[in-house]
PDB file of N, CA and C in Angstrom:
ATOM      1  N   ALA A   1     -60.061 -17.545  85.117  1.00  0.00           N
ATOM      2  CA  ALA A   1     -60.111 -16.155  85.507  1.00  0.00           C
ATOM      3  C   ALA A   1     -60.090 -16.021  87.026  1.00  0.00           C
ATOM      4  N   ALA A   2     -60.681 -16.988  87.725  1.00  0.00           N
ATOM      5  CA  ALA A   2     -60.724 -16.909  89.181  1.00  0.00           C
ATOM      6  C   ALA A   2     -59.327 -17.033  89.782  1.00  0.00           C
ATOM      7  N   ILE A   3     -58.387 -17.656  89.065  1.00  0.00           N
ATOM      8  CA  ILE A   3     -57.018 -17.782  89.539  1.00  0.00           C
ATOM      9  C   ILE A   3     -56.178 -16.604  89.055  1.00  0.00           C
ATOM     10  N   VAL A   4     -56.381 -16.183  87.808  1.00  0.00           N
ATOM     11  CA  VAL A   4     -55.550 -15.151  87.201  1.00  0.00           C
ATOM     12  C   VAL A   4     -55.800 -13.778  87.830  1.00  0.00           C
ATOM     13  N   ILE A   5     -57.065 -13.441  88.129  1.00  0.00           N
ATOM     14  CA  ILE A   5     -57.391 -12.100  88.618  1.00  0.00           C
ATOM     15  C   ILE A   5     -56.652 -11.776  89.915  1.00  0.00           C
ATOM     16  N   PRO A   6     -56.690 -12.634  90.958  1.00  0.00           N
ATOM     17  CA  PRO A   6     -55.919 -12.288  92.161  1.00  0.00           C
ATOM     18  C   PRO A   6     -54.404 -12.310  91.938  1.00  0.00           C
ATOM     19  N   MET A   7     -53.917 -13.211  91.068  1.00  0.00           N
ATOM     20  CA  MET A   7     -52.481 -13.300  90.837  1.00  0.00           C
ATOM     21  C   MET A   7     -51.959 -12.090  90.079  1.00  0.00           C
ATOM     22  N   CYS A   8     -52.786 -11.479  89.237  1.00  0.00           N
ATOM     23  CA  CYS A   8     -52.356 -10.311  88.477  1.00  0.00           C
ATOM     24  C   CYS A   8     -52.539  -9.020  89.267  1.00  0.00           C
ATOM     25  N   GLY A   9     -53.043  -9.111  90.467  1.00  0.00           N
ATOM     26  CA  GLY A   9     -53.187  -7.925  91.296  1.00  0.00           C
ATOM     27  C   GLY A   9     -54.378  -7.078  90.961  1.00  0.00           C
ATOM     28  N   ILE A  10     -55.437  -7.668  90.403  1.00  0.00           N
ATOM     29  CA  ILE A  10     -56.632  -6.892  90.084  1.00  0.00           C
ATOM     30  C   ILE A  10     -57.550  -6.892  91.308  1.00  0.00           C
ATOM     31  N   ILE A  11     -56.987  -6.589  92.435  1.00  0.00           N
ATOM     32  CA  ILE A  11     -57.743  -6.454  93.673  1.00  0.00           C
ATOM     33  C   ILE A  11     -57.641  -4.988  94.093  1.00  0.00           C
ATOM     34  N   ASN A  12     -58.789  -4.377  94.268  1.00  0.00           N
ATOM     35  CA  ASN A  12     -58.824  -2.975  94.648  1.00  0.00           C
ATOM     36  C   ASN A  12     -58.606  -2.861  96.156  1.00  0.00           C
ATOM     37  N   PRO A  13     -57.522  -2.244  96.590  1.00  0.00           N
ATOM     38  CA  PRO A  13     -57.254  -2.168  98.035  1.00  0.00           C
ATOM     39  C   PRO A  13     -58.161  -1.205  98.786  1.00  0.00           C
ATOM     40  N   THR A  14     -58.936  -0.388  98.075  1.00  0.00           N
ATOM     41  CA  THR A  14     -59.771   0.596  98.756  1.00  0.00           C
ATOM     42  C   THR A  14     -61.123   0.038  99.179  1.00  0.00           C
ATOM     43  N   ILE A  15     -61.475  -1.164  98.720  1.00  0.00           N
ATOM     44  CA  ILE A  15     -62.739  -1.778  99.121  1.00  0.00           C
ATOM     45  C   ILE A  15     -62.454  -3.142  99.748  1.00  0.00           C
ATOM     46  N   PRO A  16     -63.347  -3.656 100.582  1.00  0.00           N
ATOM     47  CA  PRO A  16     -63.099  -4.931 101.268  1.00  0.00           C
ATOM     48  C   PRO A  16     -62.954  -6.106 100.289  1.00  0.00           C
ATOM     49  N   TYR A  17     -62.211  -7.112 100.734  1.00  0.00           N
ATOM     50  CA  TYR A  17     -61.973  -8.280  99.885  1.00  0.00           C
ATOM     51  C   TYR A  17     -63.257  -9.020  99.539  1.00  0.00           C
ATOM     52  N   VAL A  18     -64.219  -9.029 100.442  1.00  0.00           N
ATOM     53  CA  VAL A  18     -65.495  -9.706 100.171  1.00  0.00           C
ATOM     54  C   VAL A  18     -66.208  -9.026  99.008  1.00  0.00           C
ATOM     55  N   VAL A  19     -66.178  -7.705  98.985  1.00  0.00           N
ATOM     56  CA  VAL A  19     -66.812  -6.956  97.895  1.00  0.00           C
ATOM     57  C   VAL A  19     -66.068  -7.220  96.586  1.00  0.00           C
ATOM     58  N   ASN A  20     -64.726  -7.265  96.633  1.00  0.00           N
ATOM     59  CA  ASN A  20     -63.947  -7.616  95.441  1.00  0.00           C
ATOM     60  C   ASN A  20     -64.348  -8.983  94.913  1.00  0.00           C
ATOM     61  N   PHE A  21     -64.400  -9.964  95.817  1.00  0.00           N
ATOM     62  CA  PHE A  21     -64.746 -11.323  95.415  1.00  0.00           C
ATOM     63  C   PHE A  21     -66.143 -11.385  94.816  1.00  0.00           C
ATOM     64  N   LEU A  22     -67.116 -10.757  95.464  1.00  0.00           N
ATOM     65  CA  LEU A  22     -68.487 -10.789  94.950  1.00  0.00           C
ATOM     66  C   LEU A  22     -68.622 -10.051  93.628  1.00  0.00           C
ATOM     67  N   THR A  23     -67.877  -8.964  93.458  1.00  0.00           N
ATOM     68  CA  THR A  23     -67.909  -8.221  92.191  1.00  0.00           C
ATOM     69  C   THR A  23     -67.363  -9.075  91.053  1.00  0.00           C
ATOM     70  N   ILE A  24     -66.204  -9.671  91.270  1.00  0.00           N
ATOM     71  CA  ILE A  24     -65.594 -10.505  90.233  1.00  0.00           C
ATOM     72  C   ILE A  24     -66.481 -11.707  89.928  1.00  0.00           C
ATOM     73  N   THR A  25     -67.015 -12.341  90.970  1.00  0.00           N
ATOM     74  CA  THR A  25     -67.872 -13.510  90.775  1.00  0.00           C
ATOM     75  C   THR A  25     -69.126 -13.147  89.995  1.00  0.00           C
ATOM     76  N   SER A  26     -69.776 -12.050  90.347  1.00  0.00           N
ATOM     77  CA  SER A  26     -71.005 -11.684  89.640  1.00  0.00           C
ATOM     78  C   SER A  26     -70.734 -11.317  88.184  1.00  0.00           C
ATOM     79  N   ILE A  27     -69.626 -10.645  87.925  1.00  0.00           N
ATOM     80  CA  ILE A  27     -69.297 -10.299  86.536  1.00  0.00           C
ATOM     81  C   ILE A  27     -68.986 -11.555  85.733  1.00  0.00           C
ATOM     82  N   LEU A  28     -68.251 -12.500  86.325  1.00  0.00           N
ATOM     83  CA  LEU A  28     -67.952 -13.748  85.622  1.00  0.00           C
ATOM     84  C   LEU A  28     -69.212 -14.558  85.369  1.00  0.00           C
ATOM     85  N   ILE A  29     -70.139 -14.579  86.313  1.00  0.00           N
ATOM     86  CA  ILE A  29     -71.392 -15.325  86.133  1.00  0.00           C
ATOM     87  C   ILE A  29     -72.219 -14.706  85.020  1.00  0.00           C
ATOM     88  N   VAL A  30     -72.374 -13.388  85.045  1.00  0.00           N
ATOM     89  CA  VAL A  30     -73.176 -12.720  84.013  1.00  0.00           C
ATOM     90  C   VAL A  30     -72.549 -12.887  82.634  1.00  0.00           C
ATOM     91  N   SER A  31     -71.231 -12.706  82.525  1.00  0.00           N
ATOM     92  CA  SER A  31     -70.604 -12.856  81.210  1.00  0.00           C
ATOM     93  C   SER A  31     -70.656 -14.303  80.740  1.00  0.00           C
ATOM     94  N   GLY A  32     -70.569 -15.266  81.648  1.00  0.00           N
ATOM     95  CA  GLY A  32     -70.721 -16.671  81.266  1.00  0.00           C
ATOM     96  C   GLY A  32     -72.123 -16.988  80.791  1.00  0.00           C
ATOM     97  N   LEU A  33     -73.125 -16.403  81.442  1.00  0.00           N
ATOM     98  CA  LEU A  33     -74.507 -16.622  81.021  1.00  0.00           C
ATOM     99  C   LEU A  33     -74.785 -15.997  79.649  1.00  0.00           C
ATOM    100  N   VAL A  34     -74.204 -14.827  79.405  1.00  0.00           N
ATOM    101  CA  VAL A  34     -74.369 -14.203  78.081  1.00  0.00           C
ATOM    102  C   VAL A  34     -73.742 -15.078  76.998  1.00  0.00           C
ATOM    103  N   GLY A  35     -72.542 -15.596  77.259  1.00  0.00           N
ATOM    104  CA  GLY A  35     -71.889 -16.478  76.294  1.00  0.00           C
ATOM    105  C   GLY A  35     -72.661 -17.762  76.064  1.00  0.00           C
ATOM    106  N   SER A  36     -73.182 -18.362  77.126  1.00  0.00           N
ATOM    107  CA  SER A  36     -73.980 -19.577  76.983  1.00  0.00           C
ATOM    108  C   SER A  36     -75.265 -19.320  76.206  1.00  0.00           C
ATOM    109  N   THR A  37     -75.877 -18.166  76.449  1.00  0.00           N
ATOM    110  CA  THR A  37     -77.095 -17.811  75.720  1.00  0.00           C
ATOM    111  C   THR A  37     -76.806 -17.643  74.237  1.00  0.00           C
ATOM    112  N   MET A  38     -75.653 -17.041  73.904  1.00  0.00           N
ATOM    113  CA  MET A  38     -75.282 -16.909  72.493  1.00  0.00           C
ATOM    114  C   MET A  38     -75.113 -18.277  71.841  1.00  0.00           C
ATOM    115  N   VAL A  39     -74.478 -19.203  72.551  1.00  0.00           N
ATOM    116  CA  VAL A  39     -74.277 -20.552  72.005  1.00  0.00           C
ATOM    117  C   VAL A  39     -75.618 -21.261  71.841  1.00  0.00           C
ATOM    118  N   PHE A  40     -76.496 -21.174  72.835  1.00  0.00           N
ATOM    119  CA  PHE A  40     -77.800 -21.829  72.748  1.00  0.00           C
ATOM    120  C   PHE A  40     -78.624 -21.269  71.596  1.00  0.00           C
ATOM    121  N   CYS A  41     -78.621 -19.955  71.424  1.00  0.00           N
ATOM    122  CA  CYS A  41     -79.386 -19.344  70.322  1.00  0.00           C
ATOM    123  C   CYS A  41     -78.832 -19.777  68.971  1.00  0.00           C
ATOM    124  N   CYS A  42     -77.516 -19.824  68.842  1.00  0.00           N
ATOM    125  CA  CYS A  42     -76.930 -20.279  67.580  1.00  0.00           C
ATOM    126  C   CYS A  42     -77.245 -21.751  67.324  1.00  0.00           C
ATOM    127  N   CYS A  43     -77.279 -22.558  68.381  1.00  0.00           N
ATOM    128  CA  CYS A  43     -77.625 -23.980  68.209  1.00  0.00           C
ATOM    129  C   CYS A  43     -79.058 -24.149  67.738  1.00  0.00           C
ATOM    130  N   ILE A  44     -79.945 -23.255  68.158  1.00  0.00           N
ATOM    131  CA  ILE A  44     -81.344 -23.335  67.735  1.00  0.00           C
ATOM    132  C   ILE A  44     -81.498 -22.851  66.296  1.00  0.00           C
ATOM    133  N   TRP A  45     -80.819 -21.759  65.945  1.00  0.00           N
ATOM    134  CA  TRP A  45     -81.011 -21.128  64.652  1.00  0.00           C
ATOM    135  C   TRP A  45     -80.257 -21.801  63.517  1.00  0.00           C
ATOM    136  N   LEU A  46     -79.115 -22.404  63.796  1.00  0.00           N
ATOM    137  CA  LEU A  46     -78.285 -22.971  62.732  1.00  0.00           C
ATOM    138  C   LEU A  46     -78.528 -24.472  62.608  1.00  0.00           C
ATOM    139  N   PRO A  47     -78.305 -25.035  61.422  1.00  0.00           N
ATOM    140  CA  PRO A  47     -78.670 -26.437  61.179  1.00  0.00           C
ATOM    141  C   PRO A  47     -77.833 -27.471  61.936  1.00  0.00           C
ATOM    142  N   THR A  48     -76.558 -27.176  62.223  1.00  0.00           N
ATOM    143  CA  THR A  48     -75.715 -28.146  62.931  1.00  0.00           C
ATOM    144  C   THR A  48     -75.034 -27.486  64.115  1.00  0.00           C
ATOM    145  N   GLN A  49     -74.664 -28.300  65.094  1.00  0.00           N
ATOM    146  CA  GLN A  49     -73.957 -27.764  66.254  1.00  0.00           C
ATOM    147  C   GLN A  49     -72.547 -27.319  65.895  1.00  0.00           C
ATOM    148  N   ASP A  50     -71.936 -28.005  64.940  1.00  0.00           N
ATOM    149  CA  ASP A  50     -70.588 -27.603  64.522  1.00  0.00           C
ATOM    150  C   ASP A  50     -70.591 -26.188  63.969  1.00  0.00           C
ATOM    151  N   LEU A  51     -71.571 -25.885  63.145  1.00  0.00           N
ATOM    152  CA  LEU A  51     -71.690 -24.546  62.581  1.00  0.00           C
ATOM    153  C   LEU A  51     -72.012 -23.527  63.681  1.00  0.00           C
ATOM    154  N   ALA A  52     -72.830 -23.931  64.640  1.00  0.00           N
ATOM    155  CA  ALA A  52     -73.182 -23.028  65.745  1.00  0.00           C
ATOM    156  C   ALA A  52     -71.954 -22.680  66.572  1.00  0.00           C
ATOM    157  N   PHE A  53     -71.120 -23.664  66.900  1.00  0.00           N
ATOM    158  CA  PHE A  53     -69.919 -23.382  67.678  1.00  0.00           C
ATOM    159  C   PHE A  53     -68.910 -22.566  66.875  1.00  0.00           C
ATOM    160  N   LEU A  54     -68.857 -22.777  65.563  1.00  0.00           N
ATOM    161  CA  LEU A  54     -67.974 -21.976  64.721  1.00  0.00           C
ATOM    162  C   LEU A  54     -68.418 -20.515  64.719  1.00  0.00           C
ATOM    163  N   VAL A  55     -69.706 -20.288  64.567  1.00  0.00           N
ATOM    164  CA  VAL A  55     -70.226 -18.918  64.557  1.00  0.00           C
ATOM    165  C   VAL A  55     -70.009 -18.250  65.910  1.00  0.00           C
ATOM    166  N   CYS A  56     -70.293 -18.980  66.997  1.00  0.00           N
ATOM    167  CA  CYS A  56     -70.117 -18.396  68.333  1.00  0.00           C
ATOM    168  C   CYS A  56     -68.647 -18.151  68.649  1.00  0.00           C
ATOM    169  N   SER A  57     -67.772 -19.051  68.246  1.00  0.00           N
ATOM    170  CA  SER A  57     -66.337 -18.827  68.468  1.00  0.00           C
ATOM    171  C   SER A  57     -65.848 -17.608  67.712  1.00  0.00           C
ATOM    172  N   THR A  58     -66.338 -17.430  66.496  1.00  0.00           N
ATOM    173  CA  THR A  58     -65.979 -16.256  65.713  1.00  0.00           C
ATOM    174  C   THR A  58     -66.496 -14.981  66.380  1.00  0.00           C
ATOM    175  N   ALA A  59     -67.744 -15.030  66.873  1.00  0.00           N
ATOM    176  CA  ALA A  59     -68.328 -13.857  67.533  1.00  0.00           C
ATOM    177  C   ALA A  59     -67.549 -13.502  68.796  1.00  0.00           C
ATOM    178  N   VAL A  60     -67.143 -14.506  69.559  1.00  0.00           N
ATOM    179  CA  VAL A  60     -66.369 -14.243  70.777  1.00  0.00           C
ATOM    180  C   VAL A  60     -64.993 -13.687  70.434  1.00  0.00           C
ATOM    181  N   THR A  61     -64.355 -14.223  69.399  1.00  0.00           N
ATOM    182  CA  THR A  61     -63.042 -13.720  68.989  1.00  0.00           C
ATOM    183  C   THR A  61     -63.125 -12.261  68.548  1.00  0.00           C
ATOM    184  N   VAL A  62     -64.131 -11.936  67.748  1.00  0.00           N
ATOM    185  CA  VAL A  62     -64.317 -10.545  67.321  1.00  0.00           C
ATOM    186  C   VAL A  62     -64.644  -9.676  68.530  1.00  0.00           C
ATOM    187  N   GLY A  63     -65.493 -10.188  69.422  1.00  0.00           N
ATOM    188  CA  GLY A  63     -65.844  -9.430  70.620  1.00  0.00           C
ATOM    189  C   GLY A  63     -64.641  -9.144  71.495  1.00  0.00           C
ATOM    190  N   LEU A  64     -63.772 -10.132  71.662  1.00  0.00           N
ATOM    191  CA  LEU A  64     -62.566  -9.929  72.462  1.00  0.00           C
ATOM    192  C   LEU A  64     -61.602  -8.953  71.797  1.00  0.00           C
ATOM    193  N   SER A  65     -61.532  -9.006  70.481  1.00  0.00           N
ATOM    194  CA  SER A  65     -60.566  -8.145  69.796  1.00  0.00           C
ATOM    195  C   SER A  65     -60.985  -6.678  69.786  1.00  0.00           C
ATOM    196  N   VAL A  66     -62.282  -6.394  69.904  1.00  0.00           N
ATOM    197  CA  VAL A  66     -62.726  -4.997  69.875  1.00  0.00           C
ATOM    198  C   VAL A  66     -63.180  -4.485  71.242  1.00  0.00           C
ATOM    199  N   CYS A  67     -62.976  -5.266  72.309  1.00  0.00           N
ATOM    200  CA  CYS A  67     -63.473  -4.842  73.627  1.00  0.00           C
ATOM    201  C   CYS A  67     -62.541  -3.881  74.339  1.00  0.00           C
ATOM    202  N   GLY A  68     -61.328  -3.730  73.866  1.00  0.00           N
ATOM    203  CA  GLY A  68     -60.379  -2.830  74.513  1.00  0.00           C
ATOM    204  C   GLY A  68     -59.489  -3.529  75.516  1.00  0.00           C
ATOM    205  N   GLY A  69     -59.592  -4.826  75.637  1.00  0.00           N
ATOM    206  CA  GLY A  69     -58.764  -5.562  76.577  1.00  0.00           C
ATOM    207  C   GLY A  69     -57.361  -5.809  76.064  1.00  0.00           C
ATOM    208  N   PHE A  70     -57.218  -6.006  74.764  1.00  0.00           N
ATOM    209  CA  PHE A  70     -55.912  -6.283  74.182  1.00  0.00           C
ATOM    210  C   PHE A  70     -55.234  -5.024  73.677  1.00  0.00           C
ATOM    211  N   LEU A  71     -56.016  -4.111  73.148  1.00  0.00           N
ATOM    212  CA  LEU A  71     -55.489  -2.889  72.554  1.00  0.00           C
ATOM    213  C   LEU A  71     -56.356  -1.725  73.026  1.00  0.00           C
ATOM    214  N   PRO A  72     -55.783  -0.681  73.606  1.00  0.00           N
ATOM    215  CA  PRO A  72     -56.589   0.451  74.083  1.00  0.00           C
ATOM    216  C   PRO A  72     -57.351   1.117  72.936  1.00  0.00           C
ATOM    217  N   PHE A  73     -58.510   1.673  73.261  1.00  0.00           N
ATOM    218  CA  PHE A  73     -59.341   2.310  72.236  1.00  0.00           C
ATOM    219  C   PHE A  73     -58.646   3.483  71.572  1.00  0.00           C
ATOM    220  N   THR A  74     -57.757   4.154  72.283  1.00  0.00           N
ATOM    221  CA  THR A  74     -57.072   5.311  71.709  1.00  0.00           C
ATOM    222  C   THR A  74     -56.088   4.905  70.615  1.00  0.00           C
ATOM    223  N   VAL A  75     -55.600   3.663  70.638  1.00  0.00           N
ATOM    224  CA  VAL A  75     -54.643   3.177  69.647  1.00  0.00           C
ATOM    225  C   VAL A  75     -55.349   2.422  68.522  1.00  0.00           C
ATOM    226  N   MET A  76     -56.566   1.964  68.784  1.00  0.00           N
ATOM    227  CA  MET A  76     -57.313   1.141  67.839  1.00  0.00           C
ATOM    228  C   MET A  76     -57.771   1.959  66.626  1.00  0.00           C
ATOM    229  N   PRO A  77     -57.733   1.360  65.424  1.00  0.00           N
ATOM    230  CA  PRO A  77     -58.264   2.060  64.246  1.00  0.00           C
ATOM    231  C   PRO A  77     -59.763   2.368  64.403  1.00  0.00           C
ATOM    232  N   VAL A  78     -60.276   3.236  63.549  1.00  0.00           N
ATOM    233  CA  VAL A  78     -61.643   3.741  63.694  1.00  0.00           C
ATOM    234  C   VAL A  78     -62.698   2.641  63.550  1.00  0.00           C
ATOM    235  N   ILE A  79     -62.593   1.805  62.527  1.00  0.00           N
ATOM    236  CA  ILE A  79     -63.625   0.787  62.275  1.00  0.00           C
ATOM    237  C   ILE A  79     -63.734  -0.211  63.427  1.00  0.00           C
ATOM    238  N   PRO A  80     -62.657  -0.861  63.874  1.00  0.00           N
ATOM    239  CA  PRO A  80     -62.807  -1.769  65.020  1.00  0.00           C
ATOM    240  C   PRO A  80     -63.256  -1.059  66.295  1.00  0.00           C
ATOM    241  N   SER A  81     -62.829   0.189  66.466  1.00  0.00           N
ATOM    242  CA  SER A  81     -63.250   0.942  67.641  1.00  0.00           C
ATOM    243  C   SER A  81     -64.759   1.176  67.629  1.00  0.00           C
ATOM    244  N   THR A  82     -65.339   1.341  66.450  1.00  0.00           N
ATOM    245  CA  THR A  82     -66.782   1.510  66.320  1.00  0.00           C
ATOM    246  C   THR A  82     -67.520   0.215  66.634  1.00  0.00           C
ATOM    247  N   LEU A  83     -66.915  -0.936  66.332  1.00  0.00           N
ATOM    248  CA  LEU A  83     -67.556  -2.230  66.578  1.00  0.00           C
ATOM    249  C   LEU A  83     -67.635  -2.588  68.063  1.00  0.00           C
ATOM    250  N   GLN A  84     -66.962  -1.823  68.918  1.00  0.00           N
ATOM    251  CA  GLN A  84     -66.985  -2.125  70.347  1.00  0.00           C
ATOM    252  C   GLN A  84     -68.396  -2.074  70.919  1.00  0.00           C
ATOM    253  N   TRP A  85     -69.277  -1.281  70.345  1.00  0.00           N
ATOM    254  CA  TRP A  85     -70.614  -1.091  70.911  1.00  0.00           C
ATOM    255  C   TRP A  85     -71.513  -2.305  70.708  1.00  0.00           C
ATOM    256  N   ILE A  86     -71.181  -3.197  69.773  1.00  0.00           N
ATOM    257  CA  ILE A  86     -71.995  -4.397  69.582  1.00  0.00           C
ATOM    258  C   ILE A  86     -71.370  -5.621  70.241  1.00  0.00           C
ATOM    259  N   SER A  87     -70.277  -5.427  70.950  1.00  0.00           N
ATOM    260  CA  SER A  87     -69.578  -6.528  71.591  1.00  0.00           C
ATOM    261  C   SER A  87     -70.051  -6.707  73.030  1.00  0.00           C
ATOM    262  N   PRO A  88     -70.672  -7.864  73.369  1.00  0.00           N
ATOM    263  CA  PRO A  88     -71.065  -8.080  74.766  1.00  0.00           C
ATOM    264  C   PRO A  88     -69.861  -8.211  75.696  1.00  0.00           C
ATOM    265  N   VAL A  89     -68.709  -8.577  75.147  1.00  0.00           N
ATOM    266  CA  VAL A  89     -67.502  -8.712  75.961  1.00  0.00           C
ATOM    267  C   VAL A  89     -67.074  -7.344  76.494  1.00  0.00           C
ATOM    268  N   LYS A  90     -67.281  -6.303  75.708  1.00  0.00           N
ATOM    269  CA  LYS A  90     -66.881  -4.960  76.099  1.00  0.00           C
ATOM    270  C   LYS A  90     -67.571  -4.532  77.386  1.00  0.00           C
ATOM    271  N   TYR A  91     -68.852  -4.857  77.504  1.00  0.00           N
ATOM    272  CA  TYR A  91     -69.606  -4.410  78.668  1.00  0.00           C
ATOM    273  C   TYR A  91     -69.187  -5.142  79.937  1.00  0.00           C
ATOM    274  N   SER A  92     -68.907  -6.440  79.846  1.00  0.00           N
ATOM    275  CA  SER A  92     -68.456  -7.158  81.045  1.00  0.00           C
ATOM    276  C   SER A  92     -67.023  -6.741  81.411  1.00  0.00           C
ATOM    277  N   PHE A  93     -66.164  -6.535  80.416  1.00  0.00           N
ATOM    278  CA  PHE A  93     -64.806  -6.071  80.680  1.00  0.00           C
ATOM    279  C   PHE A  93     -64.819  -4.677  81.297  1.00  0.00           C
ATOM    280  N   GLN A  94     -65.680  -3.809  80.768  1.00  0.00           N
ATOM    281  CA  GLN A  94     -65.769  -2.454  81.286  1.00  0.00           C
ATOM    282  C   GLN A  94     -66.313  -2.452  82.719  1.00  0.00           C
ATOM    283  N   ALA A  95     -67.306  -3.283  82.989  1.00  0.00           N
ATOM    284  CA  ALA A  95     -67.867  -3.356  84.342  1.00  0.00           C
ATOM    285  C   ALA A  95     -66.818  -3.836  85.339  1.00  0.00           C
ATOM    286  N   MET A  96     -66.018  -4.829  84.937  1.00  0.00           N
ATOM    287  CA  MET A  96     -64.986  -5.329  85.837  1.00  0.00           C
ATOM    288  C   MET A  96     -63.906  -4.277  86.060  1.00  0.00           C
ATOM    289  N   ALA A  97     -63.519  -3.593  85.004  1.00  0.00           N
ATOM    290  CA  ALA A  97     -62.474  -2.571  85.141  1.00  0.00           C
ATOM    291  C   ALA A  97     -62.949  -1.428  86.032  1.00  0.00           C
ATOM    292  N   ILE A  98     -64.180  -0.992  85.851  1.00  0.00           N
ATOM    293  CA  ILE A  98     -64.697   0.096  86.680  1.00  0.00           C
ATOM    294  C   ILE A  98     -64.803  -0.332  88.140  1.00  0.00           C
ATOM    295  N   ALA A  99     -65.318  -1.545  88.360  1.00  0.00           N
ATOM    296  CA  ALA A  99     -65.486  -2.015  89.737  1.00  0.00           C
ATOM    297  C   ALA A  99     -64.153  -2.217  90.440  1.00  0.00           C
ATOM    298  N   GLN A 100     -63.159  -2.703  89.722  1.00  0.00           N
ATOM    299  CA  GLN A 100     -61.896  -2.998  90.357  1.00  0.00           C
ATOM    300  C   GLN A 100     -60.981  -1.786  90.485  1.00  0.00           C
ATOM    301  N   LEU A 101     -61.141  -0.804  89.641  1.00  0.00           N
ATOM    302  CA  LEU A 101     -60.246   0.362  89.673  1.00  0.00           C
ATOM    303  C   LEU A 101     -60.869   1.594  90.318  1.00  0.00           C
ATOM    304  N   LYS A 102     -62.100   1.487  90.787  1.00  0.00           N
ATOM    305  CA  LYS A 102     -62.763   2.616  91.418  1.00  0.00           C
ATOM    306  C   LYS A 102     -62.026   3.012  92.704  1.00  0.00           C
ATOM    307  N   GLY A 103     -61.724   4.274  92.834  1.00  0.00           N
ATOM    308  CA  GLY A 103     -61.042   4.767  94.031  1.00  0.00           C
ATOM    309  C   GLY A 103     -59.531   4.667  93.975  1.00  0.00           C
ATOM    310  N   THR A 104     -58.976   4.207  92.846  1.00  0.00           N
ATOM    311  CA  THR A 104     -57.526   4.131  92.718  1.00  0.00           C
ATOM    312  C   THR A 104     -57.061   5.195  91.738  1.00  0.00           C
ATOM    313  N   SER A 105     -55.786   5.465  91.736  1.00  0.00           N
ATOM    314  CA  SER A 105     -55.275   6.471  90.793  1.00  0.00           C
ATOM    315  C   SER A 105     -54.415   5.820  89.735  1.00  0.00           C
TER     316      SER A 105
END
């Protein structure tokens, strides 16, 4: 993500580059910590690590599919659109989008 974000032009020209860098870095750190915490909790609760990684991979896949990153909420069917509120990916994606697009049209 640290390579893709600048290459895709997700740099807000209305704020300084240092603020852009710190915003992206903090969002990536927080979302990485949330994902690691999910994996650690599943490893504690489930009997095997293989099952824990399967459950966490499934949760991340569902989270990514309902976060609005691949398909806009206006086009998404009602049921998956409702599941966005339980997806931790949605909140980190939304925070990054708001921070990077603030002040642009």
